[in-house]
């Protein structure tokens, strides 16, 4: 995971958002910035598993079971998704 996300890191959702499901899409609104985010497929699956406080590696393992993807590729994609969530103030790391 070359984006700075470590495989053993856990994340939690920040409280500064609201979310709702519209059809097959999860829509998030960051309350402080007023920005909206639309999550489908992988992004939504990752978002929903963050509540379990899974590690990045566990999230990648879940994605390899759900989708036909190699673990290395899943780790790369999960790292990118988590980095975007964190950059946008939607999640934060914890120990």
C-alpha atoms as a PDB file:
ATOM      1  CA  UNK A   1       0.000   0.000   0.000  1.00  0.00           C
ATOM      2  CA  UNK A   2       2.047   2.841  -1.311  1.00  0.00           C
ATOM      3  CA  UNK A   3      -0.307   5.657  -0.365  1.00  0.00           C
ATOM      4  CA  UNK A   4       0.681   5.694   3.297  1.00  0.00           C
ATOM      5  CA  UNK A   5      -2.148   3.417   4.431  1.00  0.00           C
ATOM      6  CA  UNK A   6      -0.828   0.472   6.421  1.00  0.00           C
ATOM      7  CA  UNK A   7      -2.423  -2.947   6.243  1.00  0.00           C
ATOM      8  CA  UNK A   8      -2.906  -3.161  10.019  1.00  0.00           C
ATOM      9  CA  UNK A   9      -4.448   0.294  10.414  1.00  0.00           C
ATOM     10  CA  UNK A  10      -8.051   0.534  11.623  1.00  0.00           C
ATOM     11  CA  UNK A  11     -10.401   3.410  10.819  1.00  0.00           C
ATOM     12  CA  UNK A  12     -13.584   4.873  12.200  1.00  0.00           C
ATOM     13  CA  UNK A  13     -16.113   7.154  10.598  1.00  0.00           C
ATOM     14  CA  UNK A  14     -16.047  10.801  11.602  1.00  0.00           C
ATOM     15  CA  UNK A  15     -19.270  12.128  13.050  1.00  0.00           C
ATOM     16  CA  UNK A  16     -19.385  15.118  10.718  1.00  0.00           C
ATOM     17  CA  UNK A  17     -21.447  13.425   8.026  1.00  0.00           C
ATOM     18  CA  UNK A  18     -24.899  12.102   7.285  1.00  0.00           C
ATOM     19  CA  UNK A  19     -25.705   9.289   4.912  1.00  0.00           C
ATOM     20  CA  UNK A  20     -28.660   7.818   3.059  1.00  0.00           C
ATOM     21  CA  UNK A  21     -29.261   5.128   0.468  1.00  0.00           C
ATOM     22  CA  UNK A  22     -30.755   6.108  -2.886  1.00  0.00           C
ATOM     23  CA  UNK A  23     -31.408   3.092  -5.109  1.00  0.00           C
ATOM     24  CA  UNK A  24     -28.066   1.173  -5.193  1.00  0.00           C
ATOM     25  CA  UNK A  25     -26.017   4.184  -4.166  1.00  0.00           C
ATOM     26  CA  UNK A  26     -24.923   5.447  -0.762  1.00  0.00           C
ATOM     27  CA  UNK A  27     -24.914   9.235  -0.591  1.00  0.00           C
ATOM     28  CA  UNK A  28     -22.827  10.985   2.065  1.00  0.00           C
ATOM     29  CA  UNK A  29     -22.873  14.642   2.977  1.00  0.00           C
ATOM     30  CA  UNK A  30     -19.969  16.112   4.920  1.00  0.00           C
ATOM     31  CA  UNK A  31     -21.691  18.524   7.294  1.00  0.00           C
ATOM     32  CA  UNK A  32     -18.766  20.925   7.707  1.00  0.00           C
ATOM     33  CA  UNK A  33     -17.911  21.324   4.016  1.00  0.00           C
ATOM     34  CA  UNK A  34     -21.392  20.716   2.579  1.00  0.00           C
ATOM     35  CA  UNK A  35     -19.879  18.376  -0.006  1.00  0.00           C
ATOM     36  CA  UNK A  36     -21.739  15.307  -1.226  1.00  0.00           C
ATOM     37  CA  UNK A  37     -20.154  11.964  -2.042  1.00  0.00           C
ATOM     38  CA  UNK A  38     -21.718   9.090  -3.941  1.00  0.00           C
ATOM     39  CA  UNK A  39     -20.561   5.562  -3.167  1.00  0.00           C
ATOM     40  CA  UNK A  40     -21.343   2.509  -5.235  1.00  0.00           C
ATOM     41  CA  UNK A  41     -19.933  -1.004  -5.439  1.00  0.00           C
ATOM     42  CA  UNK A  42     -16.477  -1.173  -3.840  1.00  0.00           C
ATOM     43  CA  UNK A  43     -16.589   2.246  -2.185  1.00  0.00           C
ATOM     44  CA  UNK A  44     -19.916   1.451  -0.584  1.00  0.00           C
ATOM     45  CA  UNK A  45     -18.742  -2.008   0.525  1.00  0.00           C
ATOM     46  CA  UNK A  46     -15.658  -0.493   2.163  1.00  0.00           C
ATOM     47  CA  UNK A  47     -17.699   2.260   3.833  1.00  0.00           C
ATOM     48  CA  UNK A  48     -20.148  -0.245   5.293  1.00  0.00           C
ATOM     49  CA  UNK A  49     -17.322  -2.423   6.699  1.00  0.00           C
ATOM     50  CA  UNK A  50     -15.570   0.497   8.407  1.00  0.00           C
ATOM     51  CA  UNK A  51     -18.168   0.189  11.194  1.00  0.00           C
ATOM     52  CA  UNK A  52     -16.669  -3.219  11.993  1.00  0.00           C
ATOM     53  CA  UNK A  53     -13.305  -1.514  12.588  1.00  0.00           C
ATOM     54  CA  UNK A  54     -11.651  -3.953  10.189  1.00  0.00           C
ATOM     55  CA  UNK A  55      -8.028  -3.402   9.305  1.00  0.00           C
ATOM     56  CA  UNK A  56      -7.139  -2.376   5.771  1.00  0.00           C
ATOM     57  CA  UNK A  57      -5.882  -5.949   5.218  1.00  0.00           C
ATOM     58  CA  UNK A  58      -9.196  -7.424   6.429  1.00  0.00           C
ATOM     59  CA  UNK A  59     -11.090  -5.073   4.131  1.00  0.00           C
ATOM     60  CA  UNK A  60      -8.935  -6.252   1.220  1.00  0.00           C
ATOM     61  CA  UNK A  61      -9.557  -9.895   2.129  1.00  0.00           C
ATOM     62  CA  UNK A  62     -13.310  -9.248   2.131  1.00  0.00           C
ATOM     63  CA  UNK A  63     -13.070  -7.643  -1.305  1.00  0.00           C
ATOM     64  CA  UNK A  64     -11.175 -10.647  -2.717  1.00  0.00           C
ATOM     65  CA  UNK A  65     -14.057 -12.838  -1.559  1.00  0.00           C
ATOM     66  CA  UNK A  66     -16.705 -10.527  -2.967  1.00  0.00           C
ATOM     67  CA  UNK A  67     -15.027  -9.692  -6.279  1.00  0.00           C
ATOM     68  CA  UNK A  68     -12.725 -11.608  -8.595  1.00  0.00           C
ATOM     69  CA  UNK A  69      -9.588  -9.649  -7.713  1.00  0.00           C
ATOM     70  CA  UNK A  70      -6.085 -10.568  -6.566  1.00  0.00           C
ATOM     71  CA  UNK A  71      -5.231  -9.678  -2.961  1.00  0.00           C
ATOM     72  CA  UNK A  72      -2.389  -7.343  -3.992  1.00  0.00           C
ATOM     73  CA  UNK A  73      -4.754  -5.431  -6.252  1.00  0.00           C
ATOM     74  CA  UNK A  74      -7.418  -5.344  -3.514  1.00  0.00           C
ATOM     75  CA  UNK A  75      -4.891  -3.933  -1.022  1.00  0.00           C
ATOM     76  CA  UNK A  76      -3.940  -1.240  -3.515  1.00  0.00           C
ATOM     77  CA  UNK A  77      -7.563  -0.299  -4.215  1.00  0.00           C
ATOM     78  CA  UNK A  78      -8.568  -0.353  -0.535  1.00  0.00           C
ATOM     79  CA  UNK A  79      -5.596   1.852   0.311  1.00  0.00           C
ATOM     80  CA  UNK A  80      -6.675   4.360  -2.322  1.00  0.00           C
ATOM     81  CA  UNK A  81     -10.308   4.364  -1.135  1.00  0.00           C
ATOM     82  CA  UNK A  82      -9.319   4.781   2.522  1.00  0.00           C
ATOM     83  CA  UNK A  83      -6.907   7.577   1.640  1.00  0.00           C
ATOM     84  CA  UNK A  84      -9.685   9.427  -0.221  1.00  0.00           C
ATOM     85  CA  UNK A  85     -12.114   8.959   2.668  1.00  0.00           C
ATOM     86  CA  UNK A  86      -9.526  10.283   5.122  1.00  0.00           C
ATOM     87  CA  UNK A  87      -8.533  13.201   2.869  1.00  0.00           C
ATOM     88  CA  UNK A  88     -12.195  14.223   2.651  1.00  0.00           C
ATOM     89  CA  UNK A  89     -12.657  14.115   6.408  1.00  0.00           C
ATOM     90  CA  UNK A  90     -14.980  11.107   6.403  1.00  0.00           C
ATOM     91  CA  UNK A  91     -12.807   8.700   8.405  1.00  0.00           C
ATOM     92  CA  UNK A  92      -9.874   8.846  10.790  1.00  0.00           C
ATOM     93  CA  UNK A  93      -7.356   6.222  11.894  1.00  0.00           C
ATOM     94  CA  UNK A  94      -7.321   4.835  15.416  1.00  0.00           C
ATOM     95  CA  UNK A  95      -5.377   2.217  17.362  1.00  0.00           C
END
